[in-house]
Amino acid sequence: KKACTLKNNTPYKVKVVCEGANIKVYVDDALVLDYTDSTPWLHGMAGLRYSGGTTLYDNLKITKID
């Protein structure tokens, strides 16, 4: 796990890759989180959540990994 400090009013490219129970999060193509969930939900919906301010999401794209 790497430290990830984000600045206000700065656009970032965020990519989340979920394969089975493993979740990887990239910010500007740098891996910032690699987590394996011990009790994963392998079906359902996608969601975005931010706490502590105002956030704008643009160009959201969700694709299935074959």
Protein backbone atom coordinates (compact mmCIF):
# COMPACT_ATOMS: atom_id res chain seq x y z
CA LYS A 1 0.00 0.00 0.00
CA LYS A 2 1.36 3.41 -0.98
CA ALA A 3 0.46 6.78 0.47
CA CYS A 4 -1.84 8.71 -1.81
CA THR A 5 -2.28 12.42 -1.19
CA LEU A 6 -4.78 14.15 -3.47
CA LYS A 7 -4.92 17.91 -3.99
CA ASN A 8 -8.08 20.02 -4.20
CA ASN A 9 -9.17 21.27 -7.64
CA THR A 10 -6.88 18.79 -9.39
CA PRO A 11 -8.16 16.19 -11.86
CA TYR A 12 -7.04 12.60 -11.37
CA LYS A 13 -7.48 9.46 -13.45
CA VAL A 14 -8.72 6.72 -11.11
CA LYS A 15 -8.96 3.09 -12.21
CA VAL A 16 -10.38 0.26 -10.09
CA VAL A 17 -9.84 -3.34 -11.19
CA CYS A 18 -11.82 -6.09 -9.44
CA GLU A 19 -10.93 -9.69 -10.21
CA GLY A 20 -12.65 -12.16 -7.93
CA ALA A 21 -11.92 -11.10 -4.36
CA ASN A 22 -8.97 -8.88 -5.36
CA ILE A 23 -9.35 -5.10 -5.77
CA LYS A 24 -6.63 -2.88 -7.20
CA VAL A 25 -6.89 0.91 -7.25
CA TYR A 26 -4.71 3.09 -9.48
CA VAL A 27 -4.42 6.89 -9.37
CA ASP A 28 -2.81 8.37 -12.49
CA ASP A 29 -1.63 4.83 -13.39
CA ALA A 30 0.18 4.33 -10.04
CA LEU A 31 -1.02 1.40 -7.91
CA VAL A 32 -2.16 2.83 -4.56
CA LEU A 33 -4.17 -0.10 -3.17
CA ASP A 34 -4.03 -3.88 -3.66
CA TYR A 35 -6.58 -5.58 -1.40
CA THR A 36 -8.06 -9.07 -1.24
CA ASP A 37 -11.44 -9.23 0.51
CA SER A 38 -11.93 -12.27 2.75
CA THR A 39 -15.73 -12.18 2.23
CA PRO A 40 -16.27 -10.63 -1.22
CA TRP A 41 -19.57 -9.85 -2.91
CA LEU A 42 -18.98 -11.19 -6.39
CA HIS A 43 -22.16 -9.74 -7.89
CA GLY A 44 -24.19 -6.60 -7.53
CA MET A 45 -23.73 -2.94 -8.37
CA ALA A 46 -20.92 -0.42 -8.63
CA GLY A 47 -20.86 2.69 -6.48
CA LEU A 48 -18.73 5.73 -5.76
CA ARG A 49 -18.33 7.35 -2.37
CA TYR A 50 -16.28 10.26 -1.13
CA SER A 51 -16.20 11.64 2.38
CA GLY A 52 -15.10 15.06 3.50
CA GLY A 53 -15.75 17.47 0.66
CA THR A 54 -17.05 17.97 -2.84
CA THR A 55 -16.14 15.61 -5.65
CA LEU A 56 -16.84 15.61 -9.38
CA TYR A 57 -16.79 12.39 -11.37
CA ASP A 58 -16.46 12.67 -15.14
CA ASN A 59 -16.34 10.05 -17.90
CA LEU A 60 -17.27 7.11 -15.66
CA LYS A 61 -16.88 3.81 -17.51
CA ILE A 62 -17.63 0.35 -16.13
CA THR A 63 -16.59 -2.71 -18.14
CA LYS A 64 -16.68 -6.44 -17.50
CA ILE A 65 -13.38 -8.29 -17.42
CA ASP A 66 -13.63 -11.56 -19.36
